Amino acid sequence: MGFFDRISKGLARSRDKFREQMNVLLDRGPDLDDDFWEGLEEALILSDVGGPAAMDIVESLQDQAKRKALPDAYAVFDMLYDQIAATFTPAEQGIFDQEQALVLFVGINGTGKTTTVGKLAKEASDAGRTVILGSADTFRAAAIEQLEVWSKRADVPMVTRERGSDPASVCYDTIEKAEAMGADLVLIDTAGRLHTSNDLMRELEKVVSVVRKRANMPVYTVLVIDATTGQNGLQQAREFNKALDLDGLIVTKLDGTAKGGIALAVSHELELPIYKIGVGEGIDDLRDFDAHDFARALVGDLDGRSADDQAEEE
């Protein structure tokens, strides 16, 4: 099964939810009237793409429909993939492909953050890069052990300290070792933090500040977000971005959620690119994000015309 097929399979529940709304809408007829546009916006919002993104998508499609004199809803659907894809914030550059990069991974517990770090380390190491891991999650012993497993699997060194140590000092030690060994990719796992905990968020701000001051390579802070959290994930992203000035996102657990649209909501509202998406537990289930593939998988085939109708148009 190709990766697009896995994305499509993973987003099946999100897609089914959206298509149910569209079928109800099309039962009224394919006319481009106010009811259609309101129904399309509502369907997008119910798919968790968020109000601002849904509004922008519909307004753009309305404008194009007028300028191009589109005949009906099906002509609008032909443009929907591209419009959804264009609503994502694009990445100016792939941070994991740069000559040198230090990436701090942040997020709440349970998003798959540590596993994501491990998968990226394995992928980069297999590609011939010099990678080092830092386990700055010094509060959860299982996180250190979990990252150690990935460290061995990827055959890359890992820096850690005893449980309860200052996470900023772990980051400092990781940078020191990275420079000594000539690493070109440094991946640091931080402790999962509730975005509602001011003390923990302040500590994370300190970690990011220390790293940005000490590192002699570009530093990026990436939020790992669990797609199954839906609108709660959007609120988490807002708080992390406000505190840390995020550089981008990785969206995990897109397999089997009916809330896959949250990826668009976060990217659009916070103007953050999505670098990777995860659709399973396997090493190959974390891949580069492609906005057009995601849009196709999220929306599916919305052409409800019969074969005879399409033949007549052609």
C-alpha atoms as a PDB file:
ATOM      1  CA  MET A   1       0.000   0.000   0.000  1.00  0.00           C
ATOM      2  CA  GLY A   2       1.455   3.371  -1.040  1.00  0.00           C
ATOM      3  CA  PHE A   3       1.687   6.233   1.430  1.00  0.00           C
ATOM      4  CA  PHE A   4      -1.187   8.150  -0.204  1.00  0.00           C
ATOM      5  CA  ASP A   5      -3.350   5.059   0.227  1.00  0.00           C
ATOM      6  CA  ARG A   6      -2.382   4.964   3.888  1.00  0.00           C
ATOM      7  CA  ILE A   7      -3.257   8.634   4.302  1.00  0.00           C
ATOM      8  CA  SER A   8      -6.546   8.025   2.524  1.00  0.00           C
ATOM      9  CA  LYS A   9      -7.296   5.011   4.704  1.00  0.00           C
ATOM     10  CA  GLY A  10      -6.319   6.905   7.848  1.00  0.00           C
ATOM     11  CA  LEU A  11      -8.565   9.844   6.978  1.00  0.00           C
ATOM     12  CA  ALA A  12     -11.525   7.651   5.974  1.00  0.00           C
ATOM     13  CA  ARG A  13     -13.585   8.651   9.013  1.00  0.00           C
ATOM     14  CA  SER A  14     -12.889  12.348   8.462  1.00  0.00           C
ATOM     15  CA  ARG A  15     -13.730  11.971   4.760  1.00  0.00           C
ATOM     16  CA  ASP A  16     -16.945  10.033   5.428  1.00  0.00           C
ATOM     17  CA  LYS A  17     -18.070  12.696   7.858  1.00  0.00           C
ATOM     18  CA  PHE A  18     -17.492  15.428   5.264  1.00  0.00           C
ATOM     19  CA  ARG A  19     -19.164  13.519   2.442  1.00  0.00           C
ATOM     20  CA  GLU A  20     -22.250  12.862   4.548  1.00  0.00           C
ATOM     21  CA  GLN A  21     -22.647  16.602   4.932  1.00  0.00           C
ATOM     22  CA  MET A  22     -22.076  17.133   1.219  1.00  0.00           C
ATOM     23  CA  ASN A  23     -24.664  14.492   0.259  1.00  0.00           C
ATOM     24  CA  VAL A  24     -27.266  16.249   2.381  1.00  0.00           C
ATOM     25  CA  LEU A  25     -26.333  19.497   0.682  1.00  0.00           C
ATOM     26  CA  LEU A  26     -26.501  18.059  -2.849  1.00  0.00           C
ATOM     27  CA  ASP A  27     -29.879  16.496  -2.192  1.00  0.00           C
ATOM     28  CA  ARG A  28     -31.181  20.054  -2.391  1.00  0.00           C
ATOM     29  CA  GLY A  29     -29.734  20.395  -5.877  1.00  0.00           C
ATOM     30  CA  PRO A  30     -26.428  21.596  -7.389  1.00  0.00           C
ATOM     31  CA  ASP A  31     -27.322  25.287  -7.656  1.00  0.00           C
ATOM     32  CA  LEU A  32     -24.743  27.791  -6.411  1.00  0.00           C
ATOM     33  CA  ASP A  33     -27.137  29.663  -4.145  1.00  0.00           C
ATOM     34  CA  ASP A  34     -26.674  31.009  -0.617  1.00  0.00           C
ATOM     35  CA  ASP A  35     -27.784  27.688   0.889  1.00  0.00           C
ATOM     36  CA  PHE A  36     -25.012  25.870  -0.979  1.00  0.00           C
ATOM     37  CA  TRP A  37     -22.241  28.197   0.177  1.00  0.00           C
ATOM     38  CA  GLU A  38     -23.497  28.205   3.766  1.00  0.00           C
ATOM     39  CA  GLY A  39     -23.777  24.422   3.697  1.00  0.00           C
ATOM     40  CA  LEU A  40     -20.253  24.014   2.317  1.00  0.00           C
ATOM     41  CA  GLU A  41     -18.819  26.259   5.029  1.00  0.00           C
ATOM     42  CA  GLU A  42     -20.729  24.355   7.705  1.00  0.00           C
ATOM     43  CA  ALA A  43     -19.497  21.007   6.367  1.00  0.00           C
ATOM     44  CA  LEU A  44     -15.899  22.216   6.477  1.00  0.00           C
ATOM     45  CA  ILE A  45     -16.299  23.494  10.030  1.00  0.00           C
ATOM     46  CA  LEU A  46     -17.846  20.186  11.125  1.00  0.00           C
ATOM     47  CA  SER A  47     -14.768  18.481   9.664  1.00  0.00           C
ATOM     48  CA  ASP A  48     -12.661  20.431  12.182  1.00  0.00           C
ATOM     49  CA  VAL A  49     -10.886  22.616   9.628  1.00  0.00           C
ATOM     50  CA  GLY A  50     -11.820  25.587  11.801  1.00  0.00           C
ATOM     51  CA  GLY A  51     -14.019  28.627  11.198  1.00  0.00           C
ATOM     52  CA  PRO A  52     -11.337  30.966   9.786  1.00  0.00           C
ATOM     53  CA  ALA A  53     -10.030  28.373   7.309  1.00  0.00           C
ATOM     54  CA  ALA A  54     -13.541  27.339   6.237  1.00  0.00           C
ATOM     55  CA  MET A  55     -14.520  30.964   5.671  1.00  0.00           C
ATOM     56  CA  ASP A  56     -11.409  31.677   3.597  1.00  0.00           C
ATOM     57  CA  ILE A  57     -11.920  28.542   1.478  1.00  0.00           C
ATOM     58  CA  VAL A  58     -15.557  29.359   0.747  1.00  0.00           C
ATOM     59  CA  GLU A  59     -14.895  33.042   0.037  1.00  0.00           C
ATOM     60  CA  SER A  60     -12.155  32.145  -2.432  1.00  0.00           C
ATOM     61  CA  LEU A  61     -14.343  29.570  -4.164  1.00  0.00           C
ATOM     62  CA  GLN A  62     -17.227  32.036  -4.370  1.00  0.00           C
ATOM     63  CA  ASP A  63     -14.939  34.585  -5.986  1.00  0.00           C
ATOM     64  CA  GLN A  64     -13.650  32.053  -8.499  1.00  0.00           C
ATOM     65  CA  ALA A  65     -17.165  30.823  -9.251  1.00  0.00           C
ATOM     66  CA  LYS A  66     -18.236  34.351 -10.175  1.00  0.00           C
ATOM     67  CA  ARG A  67     -15.136  35.145 -12.217  1.00  0.00           C
ATOM     68  CA  LYS A  68     -15.221  31.855 -14.122  1.00  0.00           C
ATOM     69  CA  ALA A  69     -19.017  31.647 -14.320  1.00  0.00           C
ATOM     70  CA  LEU A  70     -19.030  28.133 -12.873  1.00  0.00           C
ATOM     71  CA  PRO A  71     -22.300  26.337 -13.692  1.00  0.00           C
ATOM     72  CA  ASP A  72     -22.963  24.280 -10.562  1.00  0.00           C
ATOM     73  CA  ALA A  73     -21.710  22.719  -7.340  1.00  0.00           C
ATOM     74  CA  TYR A  74     -19.801  19.994  -9.172  1.00  0.00           C
ATOM     75  CA  ALA A  75     -17.641  22.582 -10.902  1.00  0.00           C
ATOM     76  CA  VAL A  76     -16.860  24.040  -7.474  1.00  0.00           C
ATOM     77  CA  PHE A  77     -15.942  20.603  -6.140  1.00  0.00           C
ATOM     78  CA  ASP A  78     -13.442  20.243  -8.985  1.00  0.00           C
ATOM     79  CA  MET A  79     -11.587  23.183  -7.442  1.00  0.00           C
ATOM     80  CA  LEU A  80     -11.989  22.222  -3.805  1.00  0.00           C
ATOM     81  CA  TYR A  81      -8.821  20.102  -3.515  1.00  0.00           C
ATOM     82  CA  ASP A  82      -6.606  22.902  -4.767  1.00  0.00           C
ATOM     83  CA  GLN A  83      -8.290  25.472  -2.550  1.00  0.00           C
ATOM     84  CA  ILE A  84      -7.917  23.363   0.588  1.00  0.00           C
ATOM     85  CA  ALA A  85      -4.264  22.701  -0.281  1.00  0.00           C
ATOM     86  CA  ALA A  86      -3.645  26.422  -0.834  1.00  0.00           C
ATOM     87  CA  THR A  87      -5.087  27.223   2.608  1.00  0.00           C
ATOM     88  CA  PHE A  88      -2.287  25.381   4.404  1.00  0.00           C
ATOM     89  CA  THR A  89       0.699  27.518   5.341  1.00  0.00           C
ATOM     90  CA  PRO A  90       3.553  26.339   3.099  1.00  0.00           C
ATOM     91  CA  ALA A  91       7.019  25.562   4.445  1.00  0.00           C
ATOM     92  CA  GLU A  92       9.719  27.867   3.140  1.00  0.00           C
ATOM     93  CA  GLN A  93      12.209  25.038   3.512  1.00  0.00           C
ATOM     94  CA  GLY A  94      12.312  21.507   4.875  1.00  0.00           C
ATOM     95  CA  ILE A  95      14.093  21.752   8.219  1.00  0.00           C
ATOM     96  CA  PHE A  96      15.053  18.068   8.291  1.00  0.00           C
ATOM     97  CA  ASP A  97      16.791  18.364   4.929  1.00  0.00           C
ATOM     98  CA  GLN A  98      19.076  21.256   5.797  1.00  0.00           C
ATOM     99  CA  GLU A  99      22.838  20.869   6.096  1.00  0.00           C
ATOM    100  CA  GLN A 100      22.593  21.559   9.831  1.00  0.00           C
ATOM    101  CA  ALA A 101      19.631  21.818  12.181  1.00  0.00           C
ATOM    102  CA  LEU A 102      18.773  21.486  15.851  1.00  0.00           C
ATOM    103  CA  VAL A 103      15.121  20.634  16.405  1.00  0.00           C
ATOM    104  CA  LEU A 104      13.334  20.849  19.754  1.00  0.00           C
ATOM    105  CA  PHE A 105      10.151  18.792  19.946  1.00  0.00           C
ATOM    106  CA  VAL A 106       7.406  20.062  22.248  1.00  0.00           C
ATOM    107  CA  GLY A 107       3.822  19.084  23.024  1.00  0.00           C
ATOM    108  CA  ILE A 108       1.596  17.571  25.665  1.00  0.00           C
ATOM    109  CA  ASN A 109       1.913  13.966  26.866  1.00  0.00           C
ATOM    110  CA  GLY A 110       0.504  11.293  24.603  1.00  0.00           C
ATOM    111  CA  THR A 111       0.980  12.937  21.217  1.00  0.00           C
ATOM    112  CA  GLY A 112       3.630  10.462  20.096  1.00  0.00           C
ATOM    113  CA  LYS A 113       6.425  12.983  20.492  1.00  0.00           C
ATOM    114  CA  THR A 114       9.171  10.607  21.647  1.00  0.00           C
ATOM    115  CA  THR A 115       8.301   8.028  18.988  1.00  0.00           C
ATOM    116  CA  THR A 116       8.340  10.762  16.347  1.00  0.00           C
ATOM    117  CA  VAL A 117      11.823  11.847  17.422  1.00  0.00           C
ATOM    118  CA  GLY A 118      13.008   8.249  17.223  1.00  0.00           C
ATOM    119  CA  LYS A 119      11.558   7.683  13.761  1.00  0.00           C
ATOM    120  CA  LEU A 120      13.179  10.858  12.442  1.00  0.00           C
ATOM    121  CA  ALA A 121      16.528   9.819  13.916  1.00  0.00           C
ATOM    122  CA  LYS A 122      16.313   6.426  12.212  1.00  0.00           C
ATOM    123  CA  GLU A 123      15.324   7.974   8.891  1.00  0.00           C
ATOM    124  CA  ALA A 124      18.166  10.523   9.001  1.00  0.00           C
ATOM    125  CA  SER A 125      20.744   7.993  10.146  1.00  0.00           C
ATOM    126  CA  ASP A 126      19.757   5.595   7.367  1.00  0.00           C
ATOM    127  CA  ALA A 127      20.243   8.488   4.926  1.00  0.00           C
ATOM    128  CA  GLY A 128      23.847   8.858   6.093  1.00  0.00           C
ATOM    129  CA  ARG A 129      23.489  11.879   8.349  1.00  0.00           C
ATOM    130  CA  THR A 130      25.352  12.350  11.633  1.00  0.00           C
ATOM    131  CA  VAL A 131      22.583  12.468  14.218  1.00  0.00           C
ATOM    132  CA  ILE A 132      22.486  12.874  17.980  1.00  0.00           C
ATOM    133  CA  LEU A 133      19.513  12.627  20.332  1.00  0.00           C
ATOM    134  CA  GLY A 134      18.896  14.589  23.516  1.00  0.00           C
ATOM    135  CA  SER A 135      16.441  13.316  26.123  1.00  0.00           C
ATOM    136  CA  ALA A 136      15.390  16.482  27.917  1.00  0.00           C
ATOM    137  CA  ASP A 137      12.292  14.755  29.274  1.00  0.00           C
ATOM    138  CA  THR A 138      13.877  14.133  32.662  1.00  0.00           C
ATOM    139  CA  PHE A 139      10.565  13.773  34.498  1.00  0.00           C
ATOM    140  CA  ARG A 140       9.277  10.597  32.856  1.00  0.00           C
ATOM    141  CA  ALA A 141      11.656   7.656  33.179  1.00  0.00           C
ATOM    142  CA  ALA A 142       9.768   5.774  30.472  1.00  0.00           C
ATOM    143  CA  ALA A 143      10.531   8.586  27.999  1.00  0.00           C
ATOM    144  CA  ILE A 144      14.276   8.154  28.517  1.00  0.00           C
ATOM    145  CA  GLU A 145      14.018   4.393  28.116  1.00  0.00           C
ATOM    146  CA  GLN A 146      11.828   4.740  25.048  1.00  0.00           C
ATOM    147  CA  LEU A 147      14.269   7.115  23.381  1.00  0.00           C
ATOM    148  CA  GLU A 148      17.160   4.795  24.284  1.00  0.00           C
ATOM    149  CA  VAL A 149      15.459   2.030  22.307  1.00  0.00           C
ATOM    150  CA  TRP A 150      15.243   4.307  19.279  1.00  0.00           C
ATOM    151  CA  SER A 151      18.831   5.441  19.817  1.00  0.00           C
ATOM    152  CA  LYS A 152      20.009   1.841  19.544  1.00  0.00           C
ATOM    153  CA  ARG A 153      17.712   1.101  16.618  1.00  0.00           C
ATOM    154  CA  ALA A 154      19.005   4.111  14.706  1.00  0.00           C
ATOM    155  CA  ASP A 155      22.582   3.520  15.916  1.00  0.00           C
ATOM    156  CA  VAL A 156      22.979   7.135  17.041  1.00  0.00           C
ATOM    157  CA  PRO A 157      24.282   8.524  20.358  1.00  0.00           C
ATOM    158  CA  MET A 158      21.973   9.929  22.979  1.00  0.00           C
ATOM    159  CA  VAL A 159      22.553  12.378  25.817  1.00  0.00           C
ATOM    160  CA  THR A 160      20.561  12.146  29.028  1.00  0.00           C
ATOM    161  CA  ARG A 161      20.863  12.684  32.762  1.00  0.00           C
ATOM    162  CA  GLU A 162      19.294  11.140  35.808  1.00  0.00           C
ATOM    163  CA  ARG A 163      15.598  11.610  36.389  1.00  0.00           C
ATOM    164  CA  GLY A 164      14.701  15.026  37.787  1.00  0.00           C
ATOM    165  CA  SER A 165      17.711  16.825  36.283  1.00  0.00           C
ATOM    166  CA  ASP A 166      17.415  20.284  34.782  1.00  0.00           C
ATOM    167  CA  PRO A 167      16.231  19.743  31.172  1.00  0.00           C
ATOM    168  CA  ALA A 168      18.078  22.870  30.010  1.00  0.00           C
ATOM    169  CA  SER A 169      21.351  21.310  31.176  1.00  0.00           C
ATOM    170  CA  VAL A 170      20.610  18.186  29.128  1.00  0.00           C
ATOM    171  CA  CYS A 171      20.151  20.394  26.077  1.00  0.00           C
ATOM    172  CA  TYR A 172      23.437  22.166  26.804  1.00  0.00           C
ATOM    173  CA  ASP A 173      25.263  18.828  27.119  1.00  0.00           C
ATOM    174  CA  THR A 174      23.661  17.594  23.884  1.00  0.00           C
ATOM    175  CA  ILE A 175      24.891  20.637  21.968  1.00  0.00           C
ATOM    176  CA  GLU A 176      28.395  20.200  23.414  1.00  0.00           C
ATOM    177  CA  LYS A 177      28.527  16.586  22.297  1.00  0.00           C
ATOM    178  CA  ALA A 178      27.001  17.423  18.910  1.00  0.00           C
ATOM    179  CA  GLU A 179      29.775  19.924  18.245  1.00  0.00           C
ATOM    180  CA  ALA A 180      32.459  17.518  19.405  1.00  0.00           C
ATOM    181  CA  MET A 181      31.272  14.763  17.056  1.00  0.00           C
ATOM    182  CA  GLY A 182      30.384  17.051  14.153  1.00  0.00           C
ATOM    183  CA  ALA A 183      26.672  16.194  14.153  1.00  0.00           C
ATOM    184  CA  ASP A 184      24.592  17.886  11.487  1.00  0.00           C
ATOM    185  CA  LEU A 185      21.182  16.987  12.934  1.00  0.00           C
ATOM    186  CA  VAL A 186      20.349  17.352  16.630  1.00  0.00           C
ATOM    187  CA  LEU A 187      16.945  16.111  17.810  1.00  0.00           C
ATOM    188  CA  ILE A 188      15.884  16.960  21.378  1.00  0.00           C
ATOM    189  CA  ASP A 189      12.822  15.464  23.058  1.00  0.00           C
ATOM    190  CA  THR A 190      11.290  17.627  25.799  1.00  0.00           C
ATOM    191  CA  ALA A 191       8.884  16.669  28.564  1.00  0.00           C
ATOM    192  CA  GLY A 192       5.211  16.611  27.723  1.00  0.00           C
ATOM    193  CA  ARG A 193       3.579  19.666  29.220  1.00  0.00           C
ATOM    194  CA  LEU A 194       0.004  20.702  29.713  1.00  0.00           C
ATOM    195  CA  HIS A 195      -0.380  24.028  27.961  1.00  0.00           C
ATOM    196  CA  THR A 196      -2.479  25.159  30.932  1.00  0.00           C
ATOM    197  CA  SER A 197       0.440  24.821  33.387  1.00  0.00           C
ATOM    198  CA  ASN A 198       2.182  28.186  33.628  1.00  0.00           C
ATOM    199  CA  ASP A 199       5.154  26.846  35.623  1.00  0.00           C
ATOM    200  CA  LEU A 200       5.890  24.066  33.160  1.00  0.00           C
ATOM    201  CA  MET A 201       5.502  26.362  30.167  1.00  0.00           C
ATOM    202  CA  ARG A 202       7.933  28.856  31.736  1.00  0.00           C
ATOM    203  CA  GLU A 203      10.433  26.053  32.214  1.00  0.00           C
ATOM    204  CA  LEU A 204      10.049  25.108  28.567  1.00  0.00           C
ATOM    205  CA  GLU A 205      10.603  28.738  27.569  1.00  0.00           C
ATOM    206  CA  LYS A 206      13.893  28.562  29.503  1.00  0.00           C
ATOM    207  CA  VAL A 207      14.897  25.397  27.633  1.00  0.00           C
ATOM    208  CA  VAL A 208      14.208  26.975  24.248  1.00  0.00           C
ATOM    209  CA  SER A 209      16.043  30.167  25.247  1.00  0.00           C
ATOM    210  CA  VAL A 210      19.156  28.270  26.401  1.00  0.00           C
ATOM    211  CA  VAL A 211      19.249  26.246  23.201  1.00  0.00           C
ATOM    212  CA  ARG A 212      18.825  29.243  20.912  1.00  0.00           C
ATOM    213  CA  LYS A 213      21.634  31.111  22.695  1.00  0.00           C
ATOM    214  CA  ARG A 214      24.062  28.200  22.845  1.00  0.00           C
ATOM    215  CA  ALA A 215      23.615  26.446  19.500  1.00  0.00           C
ATOM    216  CA  ASN A 216      25.876  27.258  16.566  1.00  0.00           C
ATOM    217  CA  MET A 217      23.389  25.921  14.044  1.00  0.00           C
ATOM    218  CA  PRO A 218      19.798  26.874  13.107  1.00  0.00           C
ATOM    219  CA  VAL A 219      17.329  26.040  15.892  1.00  0.00           C
ATOM    220  CA  TYR A 220      13.702  25.083  15.282  1.00  0.00           C
ATOM    221  CA  THR A 221      10.899  24.443  17.740  1.00  0.00           C
ATOM    222  CA  VAL A 222       8.314  21.992  16.429  1.00  0.00           C
ATOM    223  CA  LEU A 223       4.996  21.136  18.068  1.00  0.00           C
ATOM    224  CA  VAL A 224       3.870  17.516  17.841  1.00  0.00           C
ATOM    225  CA  ILE A 225       0.091  17.471  17.880  1.00  0.00           C
ATOM    226  CA  ASP A 226      -2.318  14.541  18.113  1.00  0.00           C
ATOM    227  CA  ALA A 227      -5.026  14.804  15.419  1.00  0.00           C
ATOM    228  CA  THR A 228      -7.559  12.920  17.555  1.00  0.00           C
ATOM    229  CA  THR A 229      -7.750  15.858  19.978  1.00  0.00           C
ATOM    230  CA  GLY A 230      -9.604  17.999  17.435  1.00  0.00           C
ATOM    231  CA  GLN A 231     -10.329  21.527  18.585  1.00  0.00           C
ATOM    232  CA  ASN A 232      -8.498  20.912  21.877  1.00  0.00           C
ATOM    233  CA  GLY A 233      -5.382  20.472  19.759  1.00  0.00           C
ATOM    234  CA  LEU A 234      -5.927  23.889  18.245  1.00  0.00           C
ATOM    235  CA  GLN A 235      -6.067  25.471  21.701  1.00  0.00           C
ATOM    236  CA  GLN A 236      -2.879  23.629  22.702  1.00  0.00           C
ATOM    237  CA  ALA A 237      -1.139  24.933  19.597  1.00  0.00           C
ATOM    238  CA  ARG A 238      -2.213  28.500  20.338  1.00  0.00           C
ATOM    239  CA  GLU A 239      -0.701  28.375  23.818  1.00  0.00           C
ATOM    240  CA  PHE A 240       2.546  26.722  22.763  1.00  0.00           C
ATOM    241  CA  ASN A 241       2.948  29.161  19.899  1.00  0.00           C
ATOM    242  CA  LYS A 242       2.323  32.149  22.161  1.00  0.00           C
ATOM    243  CA  ALA A 243       4.962  30.964  24.623  1.00  0.00           C
ATOM    244  CA  LEU A 244       7.595  29.575  22.257  1.00  0.00           C
ATOM    245  CA  ASP A 245       7.106  31.180  18.830  1.00  0.00           C
ATOM    246  CA  LEU A 246       6.868  27.823  17.055  1.00  0.00           C
ATOM    247  CA  ASP A 247       8.463  27.125  13.686  1.00  0.00           C
ATOM    248  CA  GLY A 248       6.175  24.342  12.544  1.00  0.00           C
ATOM    249  CA  LEU A 249       4.097  21.264  13.256  1.00  0.00           C
ATOM    250  CA  ILE A 250       4.094  17.497  13.067  1.00  0.00           C
ATOM    251  CA  VAL A 251       0.611  15.958  13.128  1.00  0.00           C
ATOM    252  CA  THR A 252       0.332  12.393  14.420  1.00  0.00           C
ATOM    253  CA  LYS A 253      -2.409   9.771  14.772  1.00  0.00           C
ATOM    254  CA  LEU A 254      -4.240  10.756  11.602  1.00  0.00           C
ATOM    255  CA  ASP A 255      -5.134   7.106  11.108  1.00  0.00           C
ATOM    256  CA  GLY A 256      -8.695   6.444  12.163  1.00  0.00           C
ATOM    257  CA  THR A 257      -9.686   9.916  13.399  1.00  0.00           C
ATOM    258  CA  ALA A 258     -12.793  11.787  12.302  1.00  0.00           C
ATOM    259  CA  LYS A 259     -11.010  15.031  13.202  1.00  0.00           C
ATOM    260  CA  GLY A 260      -8.289  15.099  10.549  1.00  0.00           C
ATOM    261  CA  GLY A 261      -9.280  18.596   9.474  1.00  0.00           C
ATOM    262  CA  ILE A 262      -7.617  19.956  12.601  1.00  0.00           C
ATOM    263  CA  ALA A 263      -4.317  19.857  10.708  1.00  0.00           C
ATOM    264  CA  LEU A 264      -5.641  22.574   8.404  1.00  0.00           C
ATOM    265  CA  ALA A 265      -7.159  24.580  11.260  1.00  0.00           C
ATOM    266  CA  VAL A 266      -3.846  24.829  13.137  1.00  0.00           C
ATOM    267  CA  SER A 267      -1.663  25.455  10.091  1.00  0.00           C
ATOM    268  CA  HIS A 268      -3.962  28.163   8.753  1.00  0.00           C
ATOM    269  CA  GLU A 269      -4.793  30.023  11.956  1.00  0.00           C
ATOM    270  CA  LEU A 270      -1.249  30.066  13.373  1.00  0.00           C
ATOM    271  CA  GLU A 271       0.463  30.379   9.961  1.00  0.00           C
ATOM    272  CA  LEU A 272       2.647  27.346  10.688  1.00  0.00           C
ATOM    273  CA  PRO A 273       3.805  24.771   8.135  1.00  0.00           C
ATOM    274  CA  ILE A 274       3.276  21.057   8.680  1.00  0.00           C
ATOM    275  CA  TYR A 275       6.563  19.221   8.143  1.00  0.00           C
ATOM    276  CA  LYS A 276       5.511  15.619   8.758  1.00  0.00           C
ATOM    277  CA  ILE A 277       2.350  13.614   9.323  1.00  0.00           C
ATOM    278  CA  GLY A 278       1.922  10.257  11.016  1.00  0.00           C
ATOM    279  CA  VAL A 279      -0.652   7.658   9.999  1.00  0.00           C
ATOM    280  CA  GLY A 280       0.421   4.692  12.118  1.00  0.00           C
ATOM    281  CA  GLU A 281       2.994   3.201  14.455  1.00  0.00           C
ATOM    282  CA  GLY A 282       5.392   1.857  11.826  1.00  0.00           C
ATOM    283  CA  ILE A 283       8.693   3.482  10.913  1.00  0.00           C
ATOM    284  CA  ASP A 284       7.350   4.169   7.410  1.00  0.00           C
ATOM    285  CA  ASP A 285       4.152   5.754   8.694  1.00  0.00           C
ATOM    286  CA  LEU A 286       5.766   9.146   9.306  1.00  0.00           C
ATOM    287  CA  ARG A 287       6.297  11.020   6.053  1.00  0.00           C
ATOM    288  CA  ASP A 288       6.696  14.458   4.546  1.00  0.00           C
ATOM    289  CA  PHE A 289       3.469  16.440   4.429  1.00  0.00           C
ATOM    290  CA  ASP A 290       1.940  17.039   0.994  1.00  0.00           C
ATOM    291  CA  ALA A 291      -0.963  19.514   1.028  1.00  0.00           C
ATOM    292  CA  HIS A 292      -2.562  18.237  -2.185  1.00  0.00           C
ATOM    293  CA  ASP A 293      -2.441  14.600  -1.113  1.00  0.00           C
ATOM    294  CA  PHE A 294      -3.916  15.547   2.245  1.00  0.00           C
ATOM    295  CA  ALA A 295      -6.733  17.540   0.600  1.00  0.00           C
ATOM    296  CA  ARG A 296      -7.586  14.638  -1.726  1.00  0.00           C
ATOM    297  CA  ALA A 297      -7.620  12.186   1.183  1.00  0.00           C
ATOM    298  CA  LEU A 298      -9.705  14.492   3.381  1.00  0.00           C
ATOM    299  CA  VAL A 299     -12.393  15.310   0.817  1.00  0.00           C
ATOM    300  CA  GLY A 300     -12.469  12.269  -1.472  1.00  0.00           C
ATOM    301  CA  ASP A 301     -14.544  12.031  -4.648  1.00  0.00           C
ATOM    302  CA  LEU A 302     -17.450  14.437  -4.396  1.00  0.00           C
ATOM    303  CA  ASP A 303     -18.674  14.068  -7.972  1.00  0.00           C
ATOM    304  CA  GLY A 304     -22.153  12.675  -7.579  1.00  0.00           C
ATOM    305  CA  ARG A 305     -23.100  12.992 -11.234  1.00  0.00           C
ATOM    306  CA  SER A 306     -24.057   9.881 -13.148  1.00  0.00           C
ATOM    307  CA  ALA A 307     -21.804   8.606 -15.917  1.00  0.00           C
ATOM    308  CA  ASP A 308     -24.418   9.774 -18.479  1.00  0.00           C
ATOM    309  CA  ASP A 309     -24.385  13.309 -17.063  1.00  0.00           C
ATOM    310  CA  GLN A 310     -20.592  13.478 -17.232  1.00  0.00           C
ATOM    311  CA  ALA A 311     -20.557  12.054 -20.788  1.00  0.00           C
ATOM    312  CA  GLU A 312     -23.006  14.724 -21.930  1.00  0.00           C
ATOM    313  CA  GLU A 313     -20.781  17.490 -20.497  1.00  0.00           C
ATOM    314  CA  GLU A 314     -17.741  16.049 -22.216  1.00  0.00           C
END
